[in-house]
Amino acid sequence: MCRQTRQCWNCGLKEERSISSLDAAFEHGRAWNAPCPKCGSSKSRAAATEIPSLSTAQLAVWAGDKKIFFSSQDEDIVLARPESLELLLQCLDDSRTLKSKKKTLLAALFVIIYDHLPAKRNNPLLVSRVVAALGERRTTIAELGTQHIDSYILKRALPAIGDIIPH
């Protein structure tokens, strides 16, 4: 279970509730649309939700449903957690994963490289692990392409990746 809090914009009532880890993982599950029990307002401020660590169960639900998102904006950045590298790769390799979700996973791998090059976090071991994993997935990269990956991320990551991307 994850904790979620909010404060009413109008009357200041503070509320707290527990939601399942699966609900907390996805944007639609975190939505708290019920009106304030004190004044009936639907506006809130200072809302916060504990976001659980990425799990196999979350990725399985997400990978097969094009209407579910961890985040509607920058989902690749949200997924780019080094501690979840193996989960991301397993999901990318899973034949049940939708193509659109595979593109997001591929972009997340590029974000991990981007974030861990020198002048940022500088983790050459992690970068080489992701590059090696991408090297093993050249066919997948050729199938998905890289047009969906932000150009600033590609520009920074490509020198570390080398010739993995087919031309």
N, C-alpha and C. Protein backbone atom coordinates (compact mmCIF):
# COMPACT_ATOMS: atom_id res chain seq x y z
N MET A 1 0.85 -1.19 0.00
CA MET A 1 0.00 0.00 0.00
C MET A 1 0.88 1.24 0.00
N CYS A 2 0.37 2.29 -0.65
CA CYS A 2 1.07 3.57 -0.72
C CYS A 2 0.19 4.66 -0.13
N ARG A 3 0.82 5.63 0.45
CA ARG A 3 0.11 6.73 1.09
C ARG A 3 -0.10 7.86 0.09
N GLN A 4 -1.28 8.46 0.13
CA GLN A 4 -1.58 9.60 -0.72
C GLN A 4 -2.20 10.68 0.17
N THR A 5 -1.77 11.92 -0.04
CA THR A 5 -2.30 13.04 0.75
C THR A 5 -2.74 14.16 -0.19
N ARG A 6 -3.63 14.98 0.31
CA ARG A 6 -4.05 16.18 -0.42
C ARG A 6 -4.64 17.17 0.58
N GLN A 7 -4.67 18.44 0.14
CA GLN A 7 -5.26 19.50 0.95
C GLN A 7 -6.24 20.26 0.07
N CYS A 8 -7.44 20.50 0.58
CA CYS A 8 -8.47 21.22 -0.17
C CYS A 8 -8.02 22.65 -0.43
N TRP A 9 -8.19 23.09 -1.64
CA TRP A 9 -7.83 24.44 -2.05
C TRP A 9 -8.69 25.48 -1.33
N ASN A 10 -9.96 25.18 -1.14
CA ASN A 10 -10.90 26.16 -0.56
C ASN A 10 -10.87 26.20 0.96
N CYS A 11 -11.07 25.05 1.60
CA CYS A 11 -11.23 25.06 3.07
C CYS A 11 -9.98 24.61 3.82
N GLY A 12 -8.99 24.06 3.11
CA GLY A 12 -7.74 23.65 3.75
C GLY A 12 -7.77 22.29 4.42
N LEU A 13 -8.88 21.54 4.29
CA LEU A 13 -8.97 20.22 4.89
C LEU A 13 -7.86 19.33 4.35
N LYS A 14 -7.15 18.68 5.26
CA LYS A 14 -6.09 17.75 4.87
C LYS A 14 -6.64 16.34 4.95
N GLU A 15 -6.40 15.57 3.87
CA GLU A 15 -6.87 14.20 3.82
C GLU A 15 -5.71 13.27 3.50
N GLU A 16 -5.87 12.03 3.93
CA GLU A 16 -4.89 11.00 3.63
C GLU A 16 -5.64 9.71 3.34
N ARG A 17 -5.12 8.95 2.39
CA ARG A 17 -5.69 7.64 2.10
C ARG A 17 -4.59 6.69 1.67
N SER A 18 -4.90 5.43 1.72
CA SER A 18 -3.99 4.40 1.23
C SER A 18 -4.53 3.89 -0.09
N ILE A 19 -3.63 3.70 -1.05
CA ILE A 19 -4.01 3.09 -2.32
C ILE A 19 -3.01 1.97 -2.61
N SER A 20 -3.43 1.03 -3.41
CA SER A 20 -2.57 -0.11 -3.69
C SER A 20 -1.33 0.34 -4.46
N SER A 21 -0.28 -0.44 -4.37
CA SER A 21 0.95 -0.14 -5.10
C SER A 21 0.69 -0.11 -6.60
N LEU A 22 -0.19 -0.98 -7.07
CA LEU A 22 -0.50 -1.01 -8.49
C LEU A 22 -1.23 0.27 -8.91
N ASP A 23 -2.18 0.72 -8.11
CA ASP A 23 -2.86 1.98 -8.42
C ASP A 23 -1.90 3.17 -8.36
N ALA A 24 -1.04 3.17 -7.36
CA ALA A 24 -0.10 4.29 -7.19
C ALA A 24 0.91 4.37 -8.33
N ALA A 25 1.18 3.25 -8.97
CA ALA A 25 2.17 3.24 -10.05
C ALA A 25 1.69 3.98 -11.29
N PHE A 26 0.41 3.94 -11.56
CA PHE A 26 -0.12 4.49 -12.81
C PHE A 26 -0.83 5.81 -12.59
N GLU A 27 -0.67 6.68 -13.56
CA GLU A 27 -1.23 8.03 -13.47
C GLU A 27 -2.73 8.02 -13.19
N HIS A 28 -3.48 7.19 -13.89
CA HIS A 28 -4.93 7.16 -13.68
C HIS A 28 -5.29 6.64 -12.29
N GLY A 29 -4.47 5.76 -11.74
CA GLY A 29 -4.72 5.21 -10.41
C GLY A 29 -4.45 6.21 -9.29
N ARG A 30 -3.57 7.17 -9.57
CA ARG A 30 -3.23 8.19 -8.57
C ARG A 30 -4.25 9.33 -8.53
N ALA A 31 -5.11 9.40 -9.54
CA ALA A 31 -6.10 10.49 -9.59
C ALA A 31 -7.04 10.40 -8.39
N TRP A 32 -7.18 11.49 -7.69
CA TRP A 32 -8.07 11.56 -6.53
C TRP A 32 -9.09 12.64 -6.85
N ASN A 33 -10.17 12.23 -7.48
CA ASN A 33 -11.15 13.16 -8.01
C ASN A 33 -12.35 13.40 -7.12
N ALA A 34 -12.45 12.68 -6.03
CA ALA A 34 -13.60 12.85 -5.13
C ALA A 34 -13.61 14.26 -4.55
N PRO A 35 -14.79 14.87 -4.45
CA PRO A 35 -14.86 16.22 -3.87
C PRO A 35 -14.49 16.22 -2.38
N CYS A 36 -14.09 17.37 -1.91
CA CYS A 36 -13.76 17.54 -0.50
C CYS A 36 -15.00 17.20 0.35
N PRO A 37 -14.83 16.34 1.36
CA PRO A 37 -15.98 15.97 2.19
C PRO A 37 -16.49 17.13 3.07
N LYS A 38 -15.67 18.15 3.24
CA LYS A 38 -16.07 19.27 4.10
C LYS A 38 -16.81 20.36 3.32
N CYS A 39 -16.26 20.76 2.13
CA CYS A 39 -16.86 21.88 1.40
C CYS A 39 -17.34 21.53 -0.01
N GLY A 40 -17.00 20.33 -0.48
CA GLY A 40 -17.46 19.90 -1.79
C GLY A 40 -16.61 20.36 -2.96
N SER A 41 -15.54 21.09 -2.69
CA SER A 41 -14.66 21.57 -3.77
C SER A 41 -13.93 20.39 -4.41
N SER A 42 -13.65 20.54 -5.70
CA SER A 42 -12.88 19.50 -6.39
C SER A 42 -11.44 19.94 -6.62
N LYS A 43 -11.07 21.11 -6.13
CA LYS A 43 -9.70 21.60 -6.28
C LYS A 43 -8.88 21.26 -5.04
N SER A 44 -7.66 20.82 -5.28
CA SER A 44 -6.79 20.53 -4.15
C SER A 44 -5.40 21.08 -4.41
N ARG A 45 -4.63 21.20 -3.35
CA ARG A 45 -3.24 21.64 -3.44
C ARG A 45 -2.42 20.75 -2.53
N ALA A 46 -1.14 20.84 -2.68
CA ALA A 46 -0.22 20.06 -1.84
C ALA A 46 -0.56 18.57 -1.88
N ALA A 47 -0.91 18.08 -3.05
CA ALA A 47 -1.20 16.65 -3.19
C ALA A 47 0.10 15.89 -3.41
N ALA A 48 0.18 14.71 -2.81
CA ALA A 48 1.38 13.89 -2.96
C ALA A 48 0.99 12.42 -2.89
N THR A 49 1.71 11.62 -3.67
CA THR A 49 1.51 10.18 -3.68
C THR A 49 2.86 9.49 -3.62
N GLU A 50 2.99 8.53 -2.73
CA GLU A 50 4.19 7.70 -2.72
C GLU A 50 4.17 6.85 -3.99
N ILE A 51 5.24 6.90 -4.74
CA ILE A 51 5.34 6.11 -5.96
C ILE A 51 6.17 4.87 -5.65
N PRO A 52 5.61 3.69 -5.87
CA PRO A 52 6.34 2.47 -5.53
C PRO A 52 7.47 2.20 -6.51
N SER A 53 8.41 1.37 -6.10
CA SER A 53 9.46 0.92 -7.00
C SER A 53 8.82 0.16 -8.15
N LEU A 54 9.47 0.20 -9.29
CA LEU A 54 8.97 -0.49 -10.47
C LEU A 54 8.98 -2.00 -10.22
N SER A 55 7.92 -2.68 -10.65
CA SER A 55 7.82 -4.12 -10.42
C SER A 55 7.43 -4.84 -11.71
N THR A 56 7.64 -6.14 -11.70
CA THR A 56 7.25 -6.99 -12.82
C THR A 56 5.75 -6.90 -13.05
N ALA A 57 4.97 -6.89 -11.98
CA ALA A 57 3.51 -6.82 -12.10
C ALA A 57 3.07 -5.51 -12.76
N GLN A 58 3.67 -4.41 -12.36
CA GLN A 58 3.33 -3.12 -12.96
C GLN A 58 3.66 -3.11 -14.45
N LEU A 59 4.85 -3.56 -14.79
CA LEU A 59 5.27 -3.58 -16.19
C LEU A 59 4.38 -4.50 -17.02
N ALA A 60 3.96 -5.62 -16.46
CA ALA A 60 3.10 -6.55 -17.20
C ALA A 60 1.75 -5.90 -17.53
N VAL A 61 1.18 -5.19 -16.59
CA VAL A 61 -0.08 -4.49 -16.84
C VAL A 61 0.13 -3.38 -17.88
N TRP A 62 1.14 -2.57 -17.67
CA TRP A 62 1.44 -1.45 -18.55
C TRP A 62 1.77 -1.90 -19.98
N ALA A 63 2.57 -2.94 -20.11
CA ALA A 63 3.07 -3.39 -21.41
C ALA A 63 1.98 -3.86 -22.35
N GLY A 64 0.86 -4.29 -21.82
CA GLY A 64 -0.21 -4.82 -22.66
C GLY A 64 -1.40 -3.92 -22.83
N ASP A 65 -1.33 -2.69 -22.33
CA ASP A 65 -2.49 -1.79 -22.39
C ASP A 65 -2.05 -0.41 -22.85
N LYS A 66 -2.46 -0.04 -24.06
CA LYS A 66 -2.02 1.25 -24.61
C LYS A 66 -2.67 2.45 -23.92
N LYS A 67 -3.65 2.22 -23.06
CA LYS A 67 -4.32 3.33 -22.37
C LYS A 67 -3.76 3.62 -20.98
N ILE A 68 -2.80 2.81 -20.54
CA ILE A 68 -2.23 2.97 -19.19
C ILE A 68 -0.84 3.59 -19.29
N PHE A 69 -0.59 4.55 -18.40
CA PHE A 69 0.70 5.24 -18.39
C PHE A 69 1.21 5.39 -16.96
N PHE A 70 2.51 5.28 -16.81
CA PHE A 70 3.13 5.66 -15.54
C PHE A 70 3.07 7.17 -15.43
N SER A 71 3.24 7.84 -16.57
CA SER A 71 3.18 9.28 -16.67
C SER A 71 2.83 9.64 -18.11
N SER A 72 1.91 10.58 -18.29
CA SER A 72 1.52 10.95 -19.65
C SER A 72 2.59 11.81 -20.32
N GLN A 73 3.49 12.37 -19.55
CA GLN A 73 4.60 13.16 -20.09
C GLN A 73 5.91 12.53 -19.64
N ASP A 74 6.83 12.43 -20.57
CA ASP A 74 8.18 11.95 -20.26
C ASP A 74 8.19 10.59 -19.57
N GLU A 75 7.36 9.69 -20.06
CA GLU A 75 7.28 8.36 -19.46
C GLU A 75 8.62 7.63 -19.52
N ASP A 76 9.37 7.88 -20.60
CA ASP A 76 10.69 7.25 -20.71
C ASP A 76 11.61 7.68 -19.58
N ILE A 77 11.51 8.93 -19.17
CA ILE A 77 12.34 9.45 -18.08
C ILE A 77 11.90 8.83 -16.74
N VAL A 78 10.60 8.67 -16.57
CA VAL A 78 10.08 8.05 -15.35
C VAL A 78 10.56 6.60 -15.24
N LEU A 79 10.62 5.90 -16.35
CA LEU A 79 11.04 4.49 -16.35
C LEU A 79 12.55 4.30 -16.27
N ALA A 80 13.31 5.34 -16.53
CA ALA A 80 14.77 5.23 -16.63
C ALA A 80 15.42 5.13 -15.25
N ARG A 81 15.13 4.06 -14.56
CA ARG A 81 15.68 3.80 -13.23
C ARG A 81 16.75 2.72 -13.34
N PRO A 82 17.99 3.04 -13.07
CA PRO A 82 19.05 2.03 -13.20
C PRO A 82 18.77 0.75 -12.42
N GLU A 83 18.15 0.87 -11.26
CA GLU A 83 17.87 -0.31 -10.45
C GLU A 83 16.83 -1.23 -11.11
N SER A 84 16.14 -0.72 -12.13
CA SER A 84 15.13 -1.50 -12.83
C SER A 84 15.59 -1.97 -14.20
N LEU A 85 16.88 -1.87 -14.47
CA LEU A 85 17.41 -2.21 -15.79
C LEU A 85 16.97 -3.59 -16.25
N GLU A 86 17.12 -4.60 -15.41
CA GLU A 86 16.77 -5.96 -15.82
C GLU A 86 15.27 -6.09 -16.11
N LEU A 87 14.44 -5.43 -15.32
CA LEU A 87 13.00 -5.46 -15.57
C LEU A 87 12.67 -4.81 -16.91
N LEU A 88 13.31 -3.69 -17.20
CA LEU A 88 13.08 -3.00 -18.48
C LEU A 88 13.47 -3.90 -19.65
N LEU A 89 14.61 -4.57 -19.53
CA LEU A 89 15.08 -5.44 -20.61
C LEU A 89 14.15 -6.65 -20.79
N GLN A 90 13.71 -7.22 -19.69
CA GLN A 90 12.78 -8.37 -19.78
C GLN A 90 11.49 -7.96 -20.48
N CYS A 91 10.99 -6.80 -20.14
CA CYS A 91 9.75 -6.31 -20.74
C CYS A 91 9.96 -6.00 -22.22
N LEU A 92 11.10 -5.41 -22.55
CA LEU A 92 11.43 -5.11 -23.95
C LEU A 92 11.50 -6.40 -24.77
N ASP A 93 12.02 -7.46 -24.19
CA ASP A 93 12.18 -8.74 -24.89
C ASP A 93 10.89 -9.57 -24.94
N ASP A 94 9.92 -9.22 -24.14
CA ASP A 94 8.69 -10.00 -24.05
C ASP A 94 7.83 -9.79 -25.30
N SER A 95 7.45 -10.85 -25.97
CA SER A 95 6.65 -10.75 -27.20
C SER A 95 5.25 -10.20 -26.94
N ARG A 96 4.79 -10.23 -25.70
CA ARG A 96 3.46 -9.69 -25.38
C ARG A 96 3.45 -8.17 -25.22
N THR A 97 4.63 -7.57 -25.11
CA THR A 97 4.73 -6.12 -24.94
C THR A 97 4.35 -5.42 -26.24
N LEU A 98 3.42 -4.48 -26.14
CA LEU A 98 3.00 -3.71 -27.32
C LEU A 98 4.17 -2.96 -27.92
N LYS A 99 4.15 -2.78 -29.23
CA LYS A 99 5.23 -2.08 -29.91
C LYS A 99 5.40 -0.66 -29.37
N SER A 100 4.32 0.04 -29.11
CA SER A 100 4.40 1.40 -28.58
C SER A 100 5.11 1.42 -27.22
N LYS A 101 4.87 0.39 -26.41
CA LYS A 101 5.52 0.31 -25.10
C LYS A 101 6.99 -0.07 -25.25
N LYS A 102 7.31 -0.90 -26.24
CA LYS A 102 8.71 -1.24 -26.50
C LYS A 102 9.49 0.01 -26.89
N LYS A 103 8.86 0.90 -27.64
CA LYS A 103 9.52 2.16 -28.02
C LYS A 103 9.83 3.00 -26.78
N THR A 104 8.90 3.02 -25.85
CA THR A 104 9.11 3.76 -24.61
C THR A 104 10.24 3.13 -23.80
N LEU A 105 10.28 1.81 -23.74
CA LEU A 105 11.35 1.11 -23.02
C LEU A 105 12.71 1.38 -23.66
N LEU A 106 12.77 1.35 -24.98
CA LEU A 106 14.02 1.64 -25.68
C LEU A 106 14.47 3.06 -25.37
N ALA A 107 13.53 3.99 -25.41
CA ALA A 107 13.87 5.38 -25.08
C ALA A 107 14.37 5.48 -23.64
N ALA A 108 13.78 4.72 -22.71
CA ALA A 108 14.22 4.74 -21.31
C ALA A 108 15.66 4.27 -21.18
N LEU A 109 16.04 3.27 -21.97
CA LEU A 109 17.42 2.79 -21.93
C LEU A 109 18.38 3.88 -22.41
N PHE A 110 17.99 4.62 -23.42
CA PHE A 110 18.81 5.73 -23.89
C PHE A 110 18.90 6.83 -22.82
N VAL A 111 17.82 7.04 -22.09
CA VAL A 111 17.83 8.03 -21.01
C VAL A 111 18.79 7.61 -19.91
N ILE A 112 18.83 6.33 -19.60
CA ILE A 112 19.77 5.85 -18.58
C ILE A 112 21.20 6.17 -19.02
N ILE A 113 21.52 5.91 -20.28
CA ILE A 113 22.85 6.24 -20.79
C ILE A 113 23.09 7.74 -20.67
N TYR A 114 22.15 8.53 -21.16
CA TYR A 114 22.24 9.99 -21.12
C TYR A 114 22.53 10.48 -19.70
N ASP A 115 21.79 9.95 -18.76
CA ASP A 115 21.90 10.41 -17.37
C ASP A 115 23.19 9.97 -16.67
N HIS A 116 23.87 8.97 -17.20
CA HIS A 116 25.03 8.42 -16.48
C HIS A 116 26.35 8.58 -17.21
N LEU A 117 26.37 9.47 -18.19
CA LEU A 117 27.62 9.83 -18.85
C LEU A 117 28.33 10.89 -18.03
N PRO A 118 29.63 11.13 -18.27
CA PRO A 118 30.35 12.19 -17.54
C PRO A 118 29.63 13.53 -17.65
N ALA A 119 29.87 14.35 -16.67
CA ALA A 119 29.26 15.68 -16.50
C ALA A 119 27.83 15.58 -15.98
N LYS A 120 27.35 14.38 -15.79
CA LYS A 120 26.09 14.17 -15.10
C LYS A 120 26.43 13.28 -13.91
N ARG A 121 25.99 12.04 -13.91
CA ARG A 121 26.26 11.14 -12.78
C ARG A 121 27.55 10.35 -12.96
N ASN A 122 28.02 10.23 -14.18
CA ASN A 122 29.29 9.56 -14.52
C ASN A 122 29.39 8.16 -13.91
N ASN A 123 28.64 7.24 -14.48
CA ASN A 123 28.67 5.86 -14.06
C ASN A 123 29.02 5.00 -15.28
N PRO A 124 30.31 4.92 -15.63
CA PRO A 124 30.70 4.20 -16.84
C PRO A 124 30.33 2.71 -16.83
N LEU A 125 30.30 2.10 -15.66
CA LEU A 125 29.92 0.69 -15.58
C LEU A 125 28.46 0.50 -16.00
N LEU A 126 27.58 1.35 -15.50
CA LEU A 126 26.16 1.27 -15.87
C LEU A 126 26.00 1.55 -17.36
N VAL A 127 26.67 2.57 -17.86
CA VAL A 127 26.58 2.90 -19.29
C VAL A 127 27.02 1.70 -20.13
N SER A 128 28.12 1.07 -19.77
CA SER A 128 28.59 -0.08 -20.55
C SER A 128 27.63 -1.26 -20.45
N ARG A 129 26.97 -1.45 -19.30
CA ARG A 129 25.95 -2.51 -19.17
C ARG A 129 24.77 -2.26 -20.11
N VAL A 130 24.31 -1.01 -20.17
CA VAL A 130 23.17 -0.68 -21.04
C VAL A 130 23.59 -0.79 -22.51
N VAL A 131 24.77 -0.30 -22.85
CA VAL A 131 25.26 -0.39 -24.23
C VAL A 131 25.37 -1.86 -24.64
N ALA A 132 25.89 -2.71 -23.78
CA ALA A 132 26.00 -4.14 -24.09
C ALA A 132 24.61 -4.75 -24.30
N ALA A 133 23.67 -4.37 -23.45
CA ALA A 133 22.30 -4.88 -23.58
C ALA A 133 21.68 -4.42 -24.90
N LEU A 134 21.93 -3.18 -25.28
CA LEU A 134 21.42 -2.68 -26.55
C LEU A 134 22.08 -3.41 -27.71
N GLY A 135 23.36 -3.70 -27.58
CA GLY A 135 24.08 -4.43 -28.61
C GLY A 135 23.47 -5.80 -28.87
N GLU A 136 22.96 -6.42 -27.83
CA GLU A 136 22.30 -7.72 -27.97
C GLU A 136 20.91 -7.61 -28.58
N ARG A 137 20.44 -6.38 -28.73
CA ARG A 137 19.08 -6.15 -29.23
C ARG A 137 19.08 -5.30 -30.50
N ARG A 138 20.08 -5.46 -31.32
CA ARG A 138 20.18 -4.69 -32.57
C ARG A 138 18.94 -4.87 -33.45
N THR A 139 18.44 -6.08 -33.50
CA THR A 139 17.25 -6.36 -34.32
C THR A 139 16.06 -5.57 -33.80
N THR A 140 15.89 -5.55 -32.50
CA THR A 140 14.80 -4.79 -31.89
C THR A 140 14.94 -3.31 -32.20
N ILE A 141 16.15 -2.79 -32.09
CA ILE A 141 16.39 -1.38 -32.39
C ILE A 141 16.07 -1.09 -33.85
N ALA A 142 16.48 -1.98 -34.75
CA ALA A 142 16.19 -1.80 -36.17
C ALA A 142 14.68 -1.80 -36.42
N GLU A 143 13.96 -2.66 -35.71
CA GLU A 143 12.51 -2.76 -35.86
C GLU A 143 11.79 -1.52 -35.33
N LEU A 144 12.23 -1.05 -34.18
CA LEU A 144 11.55 0.08 -33.53
C LEU A 144 12.02 1.44 -34.03
N GLY A 145 13.27 1.52 -34.47
CA GLY A 145 13.84 2.80 -34.87
C GLY A 145 14.16 3.65 -33.65
N THR A 146 14.65 4.85 -33.91
CA THR A 146 14.98 5.76 -32.81
C THR A 146 14.34 7.14 -32.99
N GLN A 147 13.43 7.26 -33.95
CA GLN A 147 12.79 8.55 -34.21
C GLN A 147 11.98 9.05 -33.01
N HIS A 148 11.53 8.16 -32.17
CA HIS A 148 10.71 8.51 -31.02
C HIS A 148 11.54 8.98 -29.82
N ILE A 149 12.85 8.87 -29.90
CA ILE A 149 13.73 9.27 -28.80
C ILE A 149 14.10 10.73 -28.99
N ASP A 150 13.98 11.52 -27.93
CA ASP A 150 14.29 12.95 -28.02
C ASP A 150 15.68 13.16 -28.59
N SER A 151 15.79 14.13 -29.48
CA SER A 151 17.06 14.36 -30.19
C SER A 151 18.20 14.74 -29.25
N TYR A 152 17.92 15.49 -28.19
CA TYR A 152 18.99 15.86 -27.25
C TYR A 152 19.54 14.64 -26.52
N ILE A 153 18.69 13.65 -26.27
CA ILE A 153 19.14 12.42 -25.63
C ILE A 153 19.97 11.60 -26.61
N LEU A 154 19.48 11.46 -27.83
CA LEU A 154 20.22 10.72 -28.85
C LEU A 154 21.59 11.32 -29.09
N LYS A 155 21.63 12.64 -29.23
CA LYS A 155 22.88 13.34 -29.53
C LYS A 155 23.94 13.06 -28.47
N ARG A 156 23.53 13.05 -27.23
CA ARG A 156 24.48 12.81 -26.14
C ARG A 156 24.82 11.33 -25.99
N ALA A 157 23.86 10.45 -26.23
CA ALA A 157 24.07 9.02 -26.01
C ALA A 157 24.78 8.32 -27.17
N LEU A 158 24.59 8.80 -28.39
CA LEU A 158 25.14 8.09 -29.55
C LEU A 158 26.63 7.85 -29.51
N PRO A 159 27.48 8.81 -29.08
CA PRO A 159 28.91 8.51 -29.02
C PRO A 159 29.25 7.33 -28.11
N ALA A 160 28.49 7.15 -27.04
CA ALA A 160 28.74 6.03 -26.13
C ALA A 160 28.25 4.71 -26.72
N ILE A 161 27.26 4.80 -27.57
CA ILE A 161 26.64 3.59 -28.13
C ILE A 161 27.43 3.04 -29.31
N GLY A 162 28.03 3.90 -30.08
CA GLY A 162 28.83 3.43 -31.23
C GLY A 162 27.95 2.98 -32.37
N ASP A 163 28.27 1.84 -32.94
CA ASP A 163 27.61 1.37 -34.16
C ASP A 163 26.42 0.44 -33.92
N ILE A 164 25.83 0.52 -32.76
CA ILE A 164 24.71 -0.37 -32.44
C ILE A 164 23.48 -0.04 -33.27
N ILE A 165 23.26 1.24 -33.54
CA ILE A 165 22.08 1.64 -34.29
C ILE A 165 22.31 1.44 -35.77
N PRO A 166 21.47 0.65 -36.43
CA PRO A 166 21.63 0.44 -37.87
C PRO A 166 21.32 1.71 -38.65
N HIS A 167 22.06 1.92 -39.71
CA HIS A 167 21.84 3.13 -40.52
C HIS A 167 21.00 2.83 -41.72
